[in-house]
Amino acid sequence: MENIIWAVALWLLVFIIIPMERIRQIWPAAVLAAVWMFILNYIFISLGYYQFTRYIVTIGGVPLFHLIGSAAGGGAIDQLGGEKFLIKVLIVVVFAGLLNLASTLFMMLGAFKMLDGFNHVLHFSINVAGVSLLVWLSLALLGEEKVYEGNKTRYI
């Protein structure tokens, strides 16, 4: 249930913040984010660092709705960032922090469990690396000119 709420909440935010024509342009980044999140989660689940404990459907131990929600977040990352290096760093750190906050909430709800000494510091470090690579891959996939042109959000 938690993963469904995660997915619905993130997609609602995307549809509220990002104009529909922009969503049509950035959908490949959302797909990339879901695939990238699957790869990262699958690796760390397979290594025994953590596990999802409550889910409806799972692919390789990764809840499907977690991936659907991650697609929304990944699609939004480039939209909220800018061309300046420091803005990109800030976005990466904020998104990594939000992922850690979400995992803490999921742990409190009993839907996620860290194993074998895995902790929030390691998780944050992995999130920073993973989100950084996702930003770089999405810029390469979409092209910087497409990411940086036009109205990125309804409000900015």
Protein backbone atom coordinates (compact mmCIF):
# COMPACT_ATOMS: atom_id res chain seq x y z
CA MET A 1 0.00 0.00 0.00
CA GLU A 2 2.84 2.39 0.87
CA ASN A 3 4.33 2.00 -2.61
CA ILE A 4 1.00 2.82 -4.25
CA ILE A 5 0.74 6.00 -2.16
CA TRP A 6 4.37 6.80 -3.09
CA ALA A 7 3.61 6.43 -6.81
CA VAL A 8 0.32 8.35 -6.75
CA ALA A 9 1.76 11.21 -4.67
CA LEU A 10 4.81 11.65 -6.89
CA TRP A 11 2.83 11.53 -10.13
CA LEU A 12 0.30 14.02 -8.73
CA LEU A 13 3.17 16.40 -7.93
CA VAL A 14 4.55 15.98 -11.44
CA PHE A 15 1.17 16.72 -13.04
CA ILE A 16 0.63 19.73 -10.76
CA ILE A 17 4.09 21.24 -11.23
CA ILE A 18 5.11 20.32 -14.79
CA PRO A 19 3.05 21.38 -17.84
CA MET A 20 1.60 18.51 -19.89
CA GLU A 21 3.51 19.44 -23.05
CA ARG A 22 6.73 19.28 -21.02
CA ILE A 23 5.78 15.86 -19.60
CA ARG A 24 5.43 14.60 -23.17
CA GLN A 25 8.98 15.81 -23.88
CA ILE A 26 10.61 14.31 -20.79
CA TRP A 27 8.90 10.91 -20.61
CA PRO A 28 12.10 9.12 -21.73
CA ALA A 29 13.82 10.44 -18.57
CA ALA A 30 10.99 8.98 -16.47
CA VAL A 31 11.44 5.57 -18.11
CA LEU A 32 15.20 5.84 -17.61
CA ALA A 33 14.64 6.67 -13.92
CA ALA A 34 12.45 3.59 -13.41
CA VAL A 35 15.02 1.34 -15.10
CA TRP A 36 17.90 2.92 -13.17
CA MET A 37 16.04 2.57 -9.85
CA PHE A 38 15.32 -1.06 -10.65
CA ILE A 39 19.00 -1.74 -11.36
CA LEU A 40 20.18 -0.02 -8.17
CA ASN A 41 17.54 -1.61 -5.95
CA TYR A 42 18.02 -5.04 -7.50
CA ILE A 43 21.78 -4.89 -6.89
CA PHE A 44 21.47 -3.81 -3.26
CA ILE A 45 18.65 -6.25 -2.53
CA SER A 46 20.71 -9.06 -4.09
CA LEU A 47 23.72 -8.07 -2.00
CA GLY A 48 21.53 -8.30 1.12
CA TYR A 49 21.78 -4.65 2.15
CA TYR A 50 18.06 -4.01 2.34
CA GLN A 51 14.67 -5.37 1.37
CA PHE A 52 11.15 -4.22 0.77
CA THR A 53 8.85 -6.06 3.16
CA ARG A 54 5.38 -5.06 1.97
CA TYR A 55 4.32 -4.83 -1.64
CA ILE A 56 1.63 -5.95 -4.06
CA VAL A 57 3.76 -6.85 -7.10
CA THR A 58 7.53 -7.16 -7.17
CA ILE A 59 10.07 -7.49 -9.94
CA GLY A 60 13.28 -9.03 -8.66
CA GLY A 61 12.40 -7.93 -5.12
CA VAL A 62 11.66 -4.35 -6.19
CA PRO A 63 8.02 -3.26 -5.81
CA LEU A 64 6.46 -2.29 -9.14
CA PHE A 65 4.73 0.75 -7.68
CA HIS A 66 8.02 1.91 -6.18
CA LEU A 67 9.43 1.95 -9.72
CA ILE A 68 6.37 3.79 -11.05
CA GLY A 69 6.82 6.45 -8.37
CA SER A 70 10.54 6.64 -9.07
CA ALA A 71 9.75 7.36 -12.71
CA ALA A 72 7.88 10.48 -11.64
CA GLY A 73 10.74 11.65 -9.47
CA GLY A 74 13.29 10.97 -12.18
CA GLY A 75 11.25 12.87 -14.72
CA ALA A 76 11.07 15.85 -12.39
CA ILE A 77 14.76 16.03 -11.50
CA ASP A 78 15.96 17.77 -14.66
CA GLN A 79 12.92 20.05 -14.70
CA LEU A 80 13.71 21.53 -11.31
CA GLY A 81 17.43 21.94 -11.95
CA GLY A 82 19.26 24.45 -14.02
CA GLU A 83 22.32 24.77 -16.18
CA LYS A 84 24.50 26.00 -13.31
CA PHE A 85 26.67 23.43 -11.59
CA LEU A 86 25.75 24.49 -8.04
CA ILE A 87 22.02 24.22 -8.80
CA LYS A 88 22.58 20.67 -10.09
CA VAL A 89 24.52 19.78 -6.94
CA LEU A 90 21.74 21.22 -4.77
CA ILE A 91 19.07 19.26 -6.68
CA VAL A 92 21.08 16.03 -6.33
CA VAL A 93 21.55 16.53 -2.58
CA VAL A 94 17.89 17.48 -2.05
CA PHE A 95 16.58 14.49 -4.04
CA ALA A 96 19.01 12.12 -2.27
CA GLY A 97 17.83 13.52 1.06
CA LEU A 98 14.19 13.07 0.07
CA LEU A 99 14.92 9.44 -0.86
CA ASN A 100 16.48 8.94 2.58
CA LEU A 101 13.47 10.58 4.20
CA ALA A 102 11.16 8.30 2.23
CA SER A 103 13.13 5.21 3.26
CA THR A 104 12.94 6.31 6.90
CA LEU A 105 9.18 6.70 6.59
CA PHE A 106 8.91 3.32 4.85
CA MET A 107 10.95 1.78 7.69
CA MET A 108 8.64 3.33 10.28
CA LEU A 109 5.67 1.86 8.40
CA GLY A 110 7.33 -1.55 8.19
CA ALA A 111 7.57 -1.58 4.38
CA PHE A 112 11.38 -1.36 4.13
CA LYS A 113 14.20 -2.84 6.17
CA MET A 114 17.95 -2.20 6.15
CA LEU A 115 20.08 -5.30 6.76
CA ASP A 116 23.65 -6.30 7.71
CA GLY A 117 24.95 -2.95 8.93
CA PHE A 118 23.51 -0.95 6.04
CA ASN A 119 22.57 2.47 7.43
CA HIS A 120 21.27 5.89 6.48
CA VAL A 121 24.75 7.32 5.83
CA LEU A 122 25.54 4.59 3.32
CA HIS A 123 22.06 4.91 1.84
CA PHE A 124 22.46 8.68 1.43
CA SER A 125 25.87 8.20 -0.22
CA ILE A 126 24.42 5.68 -2.67
CA ASN A 127 21.48 7.99 -3.33
CA VAL A 128 23.80 10.92 -4.11
CA ALA A 129 25.79 8.75 -6.53
CA GLY A 130 22.65 7.25 -8.08
CA VAL A 131 20.84 10.56 -8.51
CA SER A 132 24.00 12.19 -9.91
CA LEU A 133 24.31 9.48 -12.52
CA LEU A 134 20.59 9.71 -13.28
CA VAL A 135 20.87 13.46 -13.91
CA TRP A 136 23.85 12.91 -16.20
CA LEU A 137 22.14 10.06 -18.08
CA SER A 138 18.90 12.02 -18.50
CA LEU A 139 20.74 15.04 -19.85
CA ALA A 140 22.55 12.75 -22.30
CA LEU A 141 19.29 11.01 -23.28
CA LEU A 142 17.15 14.11 -23.73
CA GLY A 143 19.84 16.55 -24.81
CA GLU A 144 20.74 19.59 -22.78
CA GLU A 145 19.06 21.96 -25.24
CA LYS A 146 15.70 20.21 -24.75
CA VAL A 147 16.06 20.14 -20.96
CA TYR A 148 17.01 23.78 -20.61
CA GLU A 149 14.57 25.35 -23.11
CA GLY A 150 10.98 26.41 -22.54
CA ASN A 151 8.74 26.42 -19.46
CA LYS A 152 10.00 23.73 -17.15
CA THR A 153 7.26 24.15 -14.56
CA ARG A 154 3.91 25.85 -14.34
CA TYR A 155 5.26 28.30 -11.77
CA ILE A 156 8.90 29.09 -12.66
